[in-house]
Protein backbone atom coordinates (compact mmCIF):
# COMPACT_ATOMS: atom_id res chain seq x y z
CA MET A 1 106.60 68.96 246.57
CA THR A 2 104.82 65.62 246.74
CA PRO A 3 103.21 64.51 250.03
CA ALA A 4 105.97 61.93 250.52
CA GLN A 5 108.68 64.55 249.92
CA SER A 6 106.96 67.02 252.25
CA GLN A 7 106.69 64.45 255.01
CA LEU A 8 110.37 63.52 254.60
CA VAL A 9 111.46 67.16 254.70
CA GLU A 10 109.46 67.85 257.85
CA SER A 11 110.79 64.72 259.54
CA VAL A 12 114.39 65.72 258.77
CA ARG A 13 113.80 69.29 259.96
CA ASP A 14 112.18 68.10 263.20
CA ARG A 15 114.98 65.62 263.97
CA PHE A 16 118.06 67.54 262.87
CA GLY A 17 117.15 71.21 262.85
CA PRO A 18 116.84 73.91 260.19
CA LYS A 19 120.43 73.57 258.95
CA ALA A 20 119.63 70.09 257.67
CA VAL A 21 116.95 71.31 255.26
CA VAL A 22 117.05 73.93 252.48
CA THR A 23 113.85 74.72 250.61
CA ASP A 24 114.62 78.24 249.39
CA ALA A 25 114.59 78.09 245.59
CA GLU A 26 117.42 80.61 245.15
CA ALA A 27 119.67 78.72 247.56
CA ILE A 28 118.99 75.42 245.77
CA ALA A 29 119.35 76.82 242.24
CA PRO A 30 123.19 76.62 241.96
CA TRP A 31 123.02 72.89 242.69
CA LEU A 32 120.51 72.06 239.96
CA THR A 33 122.88 72.50 237.02
CA ASP A 34 126.00 70.51 236.19
CA TRP A 35 129.48 72.02 235.91
CA ARG A 36 129.34 72.10 232.10
CA ASN A 37 125.88 73.70 232.11
CA ARG A 38 124.55 70.85 229.98
CA TYR A 39 122.04 69.32 232.41
CA HIS A 40 119.37 71.17 234.34
CA GLY A 41 117.39 69.45 237.08
CA ALA A 42 114.73 70.34 239.59
CA SER A 43 114.39 69.57 243.28
CA PRO A 44 112.07 71.06 245.90
CA ALA A 45 114.54 70.57 248.76
CA LEU A 46 118.16 69.98 249.65
CA LEU A 47 118.91 67.83 252.69
CA ALA A 48 122.24 68.44 254.44
CA PRO A 49 123.22 65.96 257.18
CA ALA A 50 126.08 66.81 259.50
CA SER A 51 127.13 63.27 260.40
CA THR A 52 127.02 59.68 259.27
CA ALA A 53 124.25 58.97 261.79
CA GLU A 54 122.14 61.79 260.33
CA THR A 55 122.84 60.55 256.80
CA ALA A 56 121.77 57.03 257.75
CA ALA A 57 118.57 58.31 259.32
CA ILE A 58 117.72 60.42 256.27
CA VAL A 59 118.39 57.61 253.81
CA GLY A 60 116.31 55.25 255.95
CA LEU A 61 113.41 57.70 255.98
CA ALA A 62 113.72 58.24 252.23
CA ALA A 63 113.72 54.49 251.62
CA ALA A 64 110.60 54.03 253.70
CA ALA A 65 108.84 56.88 251.87
CA GLY A 66 110.13 55.88 248.43
CA VAL A 67 111.71 59.29 247.86
CA PRO A 68 114.84 59.20 245.62
CA LEU A 69 117.99 61.03 246.71
CA VAL A 70 120.80 62.49 244.61
CA PRO A 71 124.08 62.58 246.59
CA GLN A 72 126.10 65.69 245.90
CA GLY A 73 129.44 67.12 246.97
CA GLY A 74 131.20 69.85 245.02
CA ASN A 75 128.93 69.37 241.97
CA THR A 76 131.91 69.14 239.63
CA SER A 77 130.74 66.10 237.66
CA MET A 78 131.64 66.23 233.97
CA VAL A 79 128.82 63.83 232.99
CA GLY A 80 125.79 65.16 234.86
CA GLY A 81 126.33 62.63 237.62
CA ALA A 82 125.20 64.88 240.48
CA THR A 83 122.32 66.68 238.76
CA PRO A 84 118.81 65.74 239.96
CA PRO A 85 116.13 64.62 237.50
CA ALA A 86 114.27 67.39 235.69
CA ASP A 87 110.88 66.24 236.98
CA GLY A 88 111.64 67.19 240.60
CA SER A 89 111.08 63.64 241.79
CA ALA A 90 114.33 63.47 243.80
CA LEU A 91 115.74 65.50 246.67
CA ILE A 92 119.39 66.55 246.77
CA LEU A 93 121.43 64.97 249.57
CA SER A 94 124.32 67.36 250.13
CA LEU A 95 127.36 66.03 251.99
CA ARG A 96 129.10 69.40 252.20
CA ARG A 97 128.45 69.83 255.94
CA MET A 98 130.38 66.60 256.56
CA ASN A 99 133.74 68.27 256.04
CA ARG A 100 135.96 67.03 258.87
CA ILE A 101 139.30 65.35 258.51
CA ARG A 102 138.74 62.88 261.33
CA SER A 103 142.36 61.80 261.60
CA LEU A 104 145.68 62.11 259.81
CA SER A 105 148.56 59.82 260.74
CA PRO A 106 151.99 60.53 259.25
CA ASP A 107 153.29 57.31 260.81
CA GLU A 108 150.67 55.13 259.13
CA ASN A 109 150.45 57.34 256.03
CA LEU A 110 146.66 57.39 256.31
CA ALA A 111 143.99 60.05 256.61
CA VAL A 112 140.29 59.62 257.35
CA ALA A 113 138.33 62.31 255.55
CA GLU A 114 134.59 62.84 255.46
CA ALA A 115 132.75 63.05 252.17
CA GLY A 116 132.46 66.84 252.16
CA VAL A 117 136.18 67.54 252.60
CA ILE A 118 137.43 69.61 249.67
CA LEU A 119 140.43 68.08 247.92
CA ALA A 120 142.55 71.23 248.28
CA ASP A 121 141.89 71.24 252.04
CA LEU A 122 143.07 67.64 252.32
CA HIS A 123 146.19 68.59 250.35
CA ALA A 124 146.89 71.41 252.81
CA ALA A 125 146.33 69.24 255.88
CA ALA A 126 148.57 66.47 254.56
CA ASN A 127 151.30 68.94 253.63
CA GLY A 128 151.14 70.41 257.12
CA ALA A 129 151.92 66.97 258.51
CA GLY A 130 154.83 66.35 256.16
CA ARG A 131 152.81 64.14 253.85
CA ARG A 132 150.74 64.53 250.71
CA PHE A 133 147.70 63.02 249.09
CA PRO A 134 148.89 62.20 245.55
CA LEU A 135 145.79 62.90 243.51
CA THR A 136 145.10 66.27 241.99
CA LEU A 137 142.93 67.73 239.26
CA GLY A 138 141.73 71.08 237.99
CA ALA A 139 138.65 71.15 240.26
CA ARG A 140 140.67 70.55 243.44
CA GLY A 141 139.33 73.77 244.97
CA SER A 142 135.73 72.52 244.90
CA ALA A 143 135.72 68.75 244.31
CA THR A 144 135.02 66.75 247.47
CA ILE A 145 136.33 63.43 248.71
CA GLY A 146 132.96 61.69 248.54
CA GLY A 147 132.53 62.57 244.89
CA LEU A 148 136.11 61.67 244.03
CA VAL A 149 135.71 58.24 245.60
CA SER A 150 132.25 57.71 244.09
CA THR A 151 133.57 58.44 240.58
CA ASN A 152 136.97 56.77 240.97
CA ALA A 153 138.57 60.06 239.94
CA GLY A 154 141.83 60.17 238.03
CA GLY A 155 143.91 63.27 237.44
CA THR A 156 147.46 64.08 236.47
CA GLN A 157 149.34 61.73 238.85
CA VAL A 158 147.70 58.43 237.87
CA LEU A 159 150.87 57.51 235.99
CA ARG A 160 152.64 56.84 239.29
CA PHE A 161 149.95 56.39 241.91
CA GLY A 162 146.88 55.11 240.08
CA THR A 163 143.28 56.33 240.25
CA MET A 164 141.31 57.04 243.42
CA ARG A 165 140.61 53.30 243.71
CA SER A 166 144.32 52.71 244.38
CA LEU A 167 144.43 55.44 247.02
CA VAL A 168 141.42 54.36 249.10
CA ALA A 169 142.17 51.99 251.98
CA GLY A 170 138.61 51.84 253.30
CA VAL A 171 135.13 53.32 252.93
CA GLU A 172 132.29 54.26 255.22
CA ALA A 173 128.93 54.45 253.47
CA VAL A 174 125.21 54.48 254.06
CA LEU A 175 123.51 51.76 252.01
CA PRO A 176 120.12 52.29 250.31
CA ASP A 177 118.15 50.85 253.24
CA GLY A 178 119.77 53.25 255.72
CA SER A 179 122.24 50.75 257.19
CA VAL A 180 125.89 51.74 257.59
CA HIS A 181 128.83 49.93 256.05
CA ASP A 182 131.92 50.64 258.15
CA GLY A 183 135.08 49.80 256.25
CA LEU A 184 137.35 52.31 257.95
CA ALA A 185 139.59 49.75 259.68
CA ALA A 186 141.93 49.85 256.64
CA LEU A 187 142.86 46.21 257.02
CA LYS A 188 145.69 45.04 254.80
CA LYS A 189 144.16 41.58 254.69
CA ASP A 190 140.42 40.95 254.80
CA ASN A 191 139.09 37.87 253.02
CA ARG A 192 135.43 37.90 254.01
CA GLY A 193 134.03 37.71 250.50
CA TYR A 194 132.91 40.52 248.19
CA ASP A 195 134.80 43.77 248.75
CA LEU A 196 132.07 46.31 249.43
CA ASP A 197 134.59 49.14 249.57
CA GLN A 198 135.72 48.49 246.02
CA LEU A 199 132.13 48.01 244.88
CA LEU A 200 131.17 51.45 246.18
CA ILE A 201 134.21 53.13 244.63
CA GLY A 202 133.19 54.23 241.15
CA ALA A 203 129.50 53.40 241.70
CA GLU A 204 128.58 57.09 241.30
CA GLY A 205 126.30 57.06 244.33
CA THR A 206 123.97 54.46 242.82
CA LEU A 207 124.66 51.81 245.48
CA GLY A 208 124.84 54.00 248.56
CA VAL A 209 126.15 57.27 249.96
CA ILE A 210 129.84 57.46 250.81
CA THR A 211 130.26 59.38 254.05
CA ALA A 212 134.00 58.97 254.71
CA ALA A 213 137.10 57.27 253.36
CA VAL A 214 140.51 56.18 254.56
CA LEU A 215 143.03 57.60 252.12
CA ARG A 216 146.64 56.66 251.50
CA LEU A 217 149.28 59.36 251.95
CA VAL A 218 152.84 59.45 250.65
CA PRO A 219 155.93 61.39 251.75
CA GLU A 220 155.92 65.06 250.89
CA VAL A 221 157.86 66.32 247.91
CA LYS A 222 161.31 67.59 248.83
CA GLN A 223 162.43 68.38 245.28
CA ARG A 224 160.47 68.96 242.11
CA ALA A 225 161.22 69.66 238.48
CA VAL A 226 158.86 70.49 235.63
CA ALA A 227 159.89 70.40 231.98
CA TRP A 228 158.20 71.28 228.70
CA ALA A 229 159.23 69.69 225.40
CA GLY A 230 158.13 70.09 221.80
CA LEU A 231 158.07 67.09 219.48
CA PRO A 232 156.57 66.01 216.16
CA SER A 233 154.12 63.23 217.10
CA PRO A 234 152.35 61.33 219.88
CA GLN A 235 154.40 58.25 219.01
CA MET A 236 157.59 60.17 219.69
CA ALA A 237 156.07 61.35 222.96
CA LEU A 238 155.35 57.79 224.10
CA GLU A 239 158.85 56.70 223.11
CA LEU A 240 160.26 59.58 225.15
CA LEU A 241 158.21 58.51 228.17
CA ARG A 242 159.40 54.90 227.89
CA ALA A 243 163.02 56.04 227.60
CA ILE A 244 162.66 58.17 230.75
CA GLU A 245 160.85 55.41 232.68
CA ALA A 246 163.69 53.02 231.87
CA ARG A 247 166.05 55.32 233.77
CA THR A 248 163.95 56.55 236.69
CA ASP A 249 160.71 55.99 238.59
CA SER A 250 160.43 59.60 239.72
CA VAL A 251 158.17 60.84 236.89
CA GLU A 252 154.67 61.51 238.23
CA SER A 253 153.06 63.35 235.33
CA PHE A 254 153.46 63.15 231.59
CA GLU A 255 150.81 65.19 229.79
CA ILE A 256 150.52 65.48 226.01
CA ILE A 257 149.20 68.71 224.48
CA PRO A 258 148.61 69.41 220.78
CA GLY A 259 150.05 72.62 219.40
CA ASP A 260 146.68 74.02 218.32
CA SER A 261 145.26 73.55 221.83
CA LEU A 262 148.21 75.44 223.28
CA GLU A 263 147.48 78.23 220.80
CA LEU A 264 143.93 78.49 222.15
CA VAL A 265 145.28 78.93 225.67
CA LEU A 266 147.70 81.63 224.58
CA ARG A 267 144.87 83.39 222.73
CA HIS A 268 142.14 83.22 225.36
CA ILE A 269 143.81 82.97 228.78
CA PRO A 270 145.36 86.21 230.06
CA ASP A 271 149.00 86.37 231.15
CA THR A 272 150.08 83.14 229.49
CA ARG A 273 153.12 82.69 227.30
CA ALA A 274 154.55 79.92 225.17
CA PRO A 275 157.25 77.89 226.97
CA LEU A 276 159.22 77.31 223.76
CA SER A 277 160.20 79.45 220.80
CA GLY A 278 158.96 78.30 217.44
CA ALA A 279 155.99 76.15 216.54
CA HIS A 280 155.65 72.48 217.46
CA ARG A 281 152.86 70.11 216.49
CA TRP A 282 152.86 68.43 219.91
CA HIS A 283 154.07 69.23 223.39
CA VAL A 284 154.60 67.25 226.59
CA LEU A 285 154.59 68.50 230.17
CA ILE A 286 156.76 66.36 232.45
CA GLU A 287 156.98 66.49 236.23
CA ALA A 288 159.51 64.53 238.30
CA VAL A 289 159.84 64.65 242.08
CA ALA A 290 162.00 63.35 244.90
CA SER A 291 160.94 62.72 248.49
CA ASP A 292 164.54 62.65 249.69
CA ALA A 293 166.32 65.98 249.98
CA ASP A 294 169.65 64.23 249.42
CA ALA A 295 168.59 62.42 246.23
CA GLU A 296 169.73 63.51 242.80
CA PRO A 297 167.80 66.70 242.01
CA PRO A 298 164.94 65.92 239.61
CA ALA A 299 165.93 68.97 237.58
CA ALA A 300 169.40 67.52 236.98
CA LEU A 301 167.88 64.15 236.13
CA LEU A 302 165.46 65.62 233.59
CA GLU A 303 168.16 67.86 232.16
CA ARG A 304 170.40 64.86 231.51
CA LEU A 305 167.66 62.63 230.05
CA LEU A 306 166.12 65.35 227.90
CA ALA A 307 169.53 66.47 226.64
CA GLU A 308 170.09 62.91 225.44
CA ALA A 309 166.67 63.00 223.76
CA LEU A 310 167.60 66.22 222.00
CA GLU A 311 170.86 64.73 220.76
CA ARG A 312 169.15 61.73 219.20
CA GLY A 313 166.35 63.86 217.71
CA ALA A 314 163.60 62.47 219.93
CA VAL A 315 162.48 66.00 220.85
CA GLU A 316 162.72 69.27 218.96
CA ASP A 317 163.15 71.69 221.85
CA VAL A 318 162.91 71.57 225.63
CA VAL A 319 162.98 73.86 228.66
CA ILE A 320 163.14 73.02 232.35
CA ALA A 321 161.38 75.43 234.70
CA ALA A 322 163.94 77.60 236.47
CA SER A 323 161.63 78.49 239.36
CA GLU A 324 158.43 77.38 241.08
CA ALA A 325 156.65 80.29 239.43
CA GLN A 326 157.69 79.09 235.99
CA ALA A 327 156.73 75.52 236.87
CA GLU A 328 153.28 76.69 237.95
CA GLY A 329 153.06 78.69 234.73
CA PHE A 330 153.63 75.49 232.74
CA TRP A 331 150.91 73.72 234.70
CA ARG A 332 148.56 76.65 234.23
CA LEU A 333 148.82 76.15 230.49
CA ARG A 334 147.81 72.50 230.90
CA ASP A 335 145.02 73.22 233.39
CA SER A 336 143.57 75.96 231.16
CA LEU A 337 143.02 73.79 228.08
CA SER A 338 139.30 73.19 228.70
CA GLU A 339 138.66 76.82 229.68
CA ALA A 340 140.37 78.06 226.52
CA GLU A 341 138.42 75.62 224.41
CA ARG A 342 135.12 76.81 225.90
CA ALA A 343 136.10 80.39 225.10
CA SER A 344 136.73 79.45 221.47
CA GLY A 345 133.32 77.87 220.88
CA PRO A 346 131.33 74.67 221.45
CA ALA A 347 132.97 71.26 221.48
CA VAL A 348 131.82 67.69 222.02
CA GLN A 349 134.07 66.26 224.71
CA HIS A 350 134.98 62.63 225.25
CA ASP A 351 136.93 61.14 228.15
CA ILE A 352 138.28 57.91 226.69
CA SER A 353 141.00 55.33 227.14
CA VAL A 354 142.64 52.78 224.88
CA PRO A 355 145.67 50.53 225.53
CA VAL A 356 148.70 52.75 226.05
CA SER A 357 150.66 51.24 223.18
CA GLY A 358 147.84 52.06 220.76
CA MET A 359 147.08 55.56 221.99
CA PRO A 360 149.50 57.52 219.72
CA ARG A 361 148.03 55.93 216.61
CA PHE A 362 144.48 56.40 217.88
CA MET A 363 145.03 60.10 218.60
CA VAL A 364 146.11 60.75 215.01
CA GLU A 365 143.91 58.35 213.04
CA ALA A 366 140.68 58.83 214.99
CA ALA A 367 141.06 62.61 214.77
CA ALA A 368 141.54 62.43 211.00
CA ALA A 369 138.55 60.09 210.67
CA ALA A 370 136.32 62.40 212.71
CA GLU A 371 137.28 65.48 210.71
CA ALA A 372 136.60 63.62 207.46
CA ARG A 373 133.24 62.37 208.71
CA PHE A 374 132.12 65.78 210.03
CA PRO A 375 133.46 68.49 207.67
CA GLY A 376 134.37 71.79 209.28
CA THR A 377 135.03 70.28 212.70
CA HIS A 378 138.42 70.08 214.36
CA ALA A 379 139.40 67.04 216.41
CA THR A 380 142.02 67.20 219.10
CA ALA A 381 143.23 65.03 221.98
CA PHE A 382 145.18 65.92 225.10
CA GLY A 383 145.87 64.48 228.50
CA HIS A 384 147.40 61.55 230.29
CA LEU A 385 149.29 59.71 227.58
CA GLY A 386 151.17 57.48 230.00
CA ASP A 387 148.03 55.83 231.37
CA GLY A 388 146.20 55.62 228.05
CA ASN A 389 143.58 58.27 228.86
CA VAL A 390 143.06 61.37 226.74
CA HIS A 391 140.30 63.92 226.40
CA PHE A 392 139.20 63.59 222.78
CA HIS A 393 137.30 66.69 221.73
CA ILE A 394 135.56 67.66 218.50
CA ARG A 395 135.28 71.42 218.09
CA ALA A 396 132.36 72.80 216.14
CA PRO A 397 132.66 74.53 212.76
CA ALA A 398 132.96 78.30 212.99
CA GLY A 399 129.73 80.23 213.33
CA VAL A 400 127.40 77.43 214.45
CA GLU A 401 124.71 78.05 217.05
CA ARG A 402 125.85 76.34 220.26
CA ASP A 403 122.64 74.76 221.56
CA ARG A 404 121.46 73.67 218.13
CA TRP A 405 124.79 72.05 217.34
CA TYR A 406 124.81 70.17 220.64
CA ALA A 407 121.26 68.95 220.02
CA GLU A 408 121.66 67.98 216.37
CA ALA A 409 125.30 67.08 215.77
CA ALA A 410 126.71 66.01 219.13
CA PRO A 411 124.90 62.65 219.48
CA GLU A 412 126.09 61.41 216.09
CA ILE A 413 129.63 62.66 216.75
CA THR A 414 129.72 60.92 220.10
CA ARG A 415 128.51 57.63 218.63
CA PHE A 416 131.18 57.87 215.93
CA VAL A 417 134.00 58.56 218.41
CA HIS A 418 132.87 55.86 220.82
CA ASP A 419 132.69 53.32 218.02
CA GLN A 420 136.32 54.13 217.22
CA VAL A 421 137.24 53.71 220.88
CA VAL A 422 135.54 50.34 221.26
CA ALA A 423 137.09 49.13 218.00
CA ALA A 424 140.49 49.99 219.51
CA GLY A 425 139.74 47.93 222.61
CA GLY A 426 139.13 50.96 224.81
CA SER A 427 136.62 52.46 227.25
CA ILE A 428 134.13 55.26 226.62
CA SER A 429 134.76 56.55 230.15
CA ALA A 430 138.28 56.67 231.53
CA GLU A 431 137.94 58.91 234.58
CA HIS A 432 134.76 61.03 234.49
CA GLY A 433 132.25 58.23 234.98
CA ILE A 434 129.00 57.50 233.16
CA GLY A 435 126.52 59.77 234.96
CA GLN A 436 123.55 60.52 232.76
CA MET A 437 125.56 61.77 229.79
CA LYS A 438 126.95 58.37 228.80
CA ARG A 439 124.26 56.03 230.04
CA ALA A 440 122.72 55.44 226.62
CA GLU A 441 126.16 54.81 225.14
CA LEU A 442 127.00 52.35 227.90
CA GLU A 443 123.76 50.51 227.14
CA ARG A 444 124.64 50.48 223.43
CA LEU A 445 128.29 49.48 223.67
CA GLY A 446 128.79 47.81 227.03
CA PRO A 447 129.58 44.09 227.09
CA PRO A 448 126.30 42.22 227.79
CA ALA A 449 127.71 40.23 230.70
CA ARG A 450 129.02 43.37 232.35
CA LEU A 451 125.74 45.24 231.91
CA ALA A 452 123.76 42.31 233.31
CA ALA A 453 126.02 42.21 236.37
CA LEU A 454 125.70 45.96 236.93
CA ARG A 455 121.91 45.75 236.78
CA ALA A 456 121.82 42.76 239.11
CA ILE A 457 124.01 44.48 241.71
CA LYS A 458 121.92 47.65 241.53
CA ALA A 459 118.67 45.70 241.88
CA ALA A 460 120.01 43.73 244.84
CA LEU A 461 121.32 46.68 246.84
CA ASP A 462 118.84 49.36 245.77
CA PRO A 463 115.63 47.62 244.66
CA LYS A 464 113.55 50.77 245.10
CA GLY A 465 115.96 52.80 242.97
CA ILE A 466 116.28 55.65 245.46
CA CYS A 467 120.05 56.18 245.12
CA ASN A 468 120.97 58.66 242.38
CA PRO A 469 118.23 57.69 239.91
CA GLY A 470 118.94 58.01 236.20
CA LYS A 471 122.69 57.58 236.53
CA LEU A 472 125.08 54.84 235.39
CA VAL A 473 122.67 51.94 234.93
CA ALA A 474 118.89 51.56 234.70
CA LEU A 475 116.73 49.17 236.67
CA ALA A 476 114.11 47.20 234.76
CA HIS A 477 111.27 49.52 235.84
CA GLU A 478 113.13 52.73 234.96
CA ALA A 479 112.55 54.61 231.72
CA PRO A 480 115.13 53.83 229.01
CA SER A 481 118.07 56.14 228.53
CA SER A 482 117.63 59.04 226.15
């Protein structure tokens, strides 16, 4: 621990008590590695404020001492965005003690949740009030609101409700100098210049520390239907989605899954079974809901629309879940894709987006191009077809050594895939953020005007570079990305 770090730690302990400081190496260890076990950092202490006032005081002290801080919630980043630097120069700022839902108003359809509130807990609280928060993802049992806002998280319901940015009505945050931005009024009209709330959303903790957010709620689901269909191509899947959307606005999720990825789930995940008989090259998982108990049942709606699709040959086979247990079983197949892939061997994973109309072609042609360029690999894409975001993964040849393959092959594979994405007019990060994993690629491929603006904003708000160093964008005095 450097003298500046030691002085900061002692000041925090003296002002806020022993719960606000963790220096035990074993207790800190789980928070030094990212979710994918790809990045390993070091930090001599973890600071854990219990309120916005404590967070502001800590950030102010850190700014004065020049000690960098890495904000952290559930530590579920897919791009190393919450992992401290390996040199131990930064302290972890954990927001997990700030876990209160300050208010929840069914009448206004708003909830104010602190940064450390776990997504699943917000879901439960909203459901208890006859409302729901319409964003969900696989890490809902550990991901926290602060991290979800900071990364502009997506998930499986973006098709209808948009990303986290669309669901945030206001933000409270501590800025890099220790001052507090209070945007919790949730004003529908506020024309006082730059929107600091929107600037902080998706900033990955590089412009300040989000401490709370006002979140939009929607009516609870009264009826739900989940269907699984097999079809021959991504293009047919998109055409099916457009045909359904022309008839109803009740579809919330439309997930595309390649047949070989489903096979991995059936092979590696216990107690799973194929929804359909026979083999299909592609599958889609469809969920439709109704908030009105007297509305046409979503199951009847999907049955009618999918029966028409069967008659015209748009799908090869289809089944509609006959129970909640079967519906959850369908979703378990989708949510287990990454786990099954990890069990099968190493893979280079890319979270990308291209214009929706071009996604079916991209999924097929980019996969073929990658397999031709890197013999023995297998390329596959799955995810949120309706919003133009898929997870494009390149699985390693059989028998390769994991760490060596990641070190030697992964960088070239990633550059190749990202070049294909940019050529298609897309983004190298659709919902996971940049973190440290994609910073070099953002520097290489990002539009110059955009990169210059990002650097200027960072330099203006955080000139000392104390907020989440090494993530998203580099200041002029920082070391170049590796």
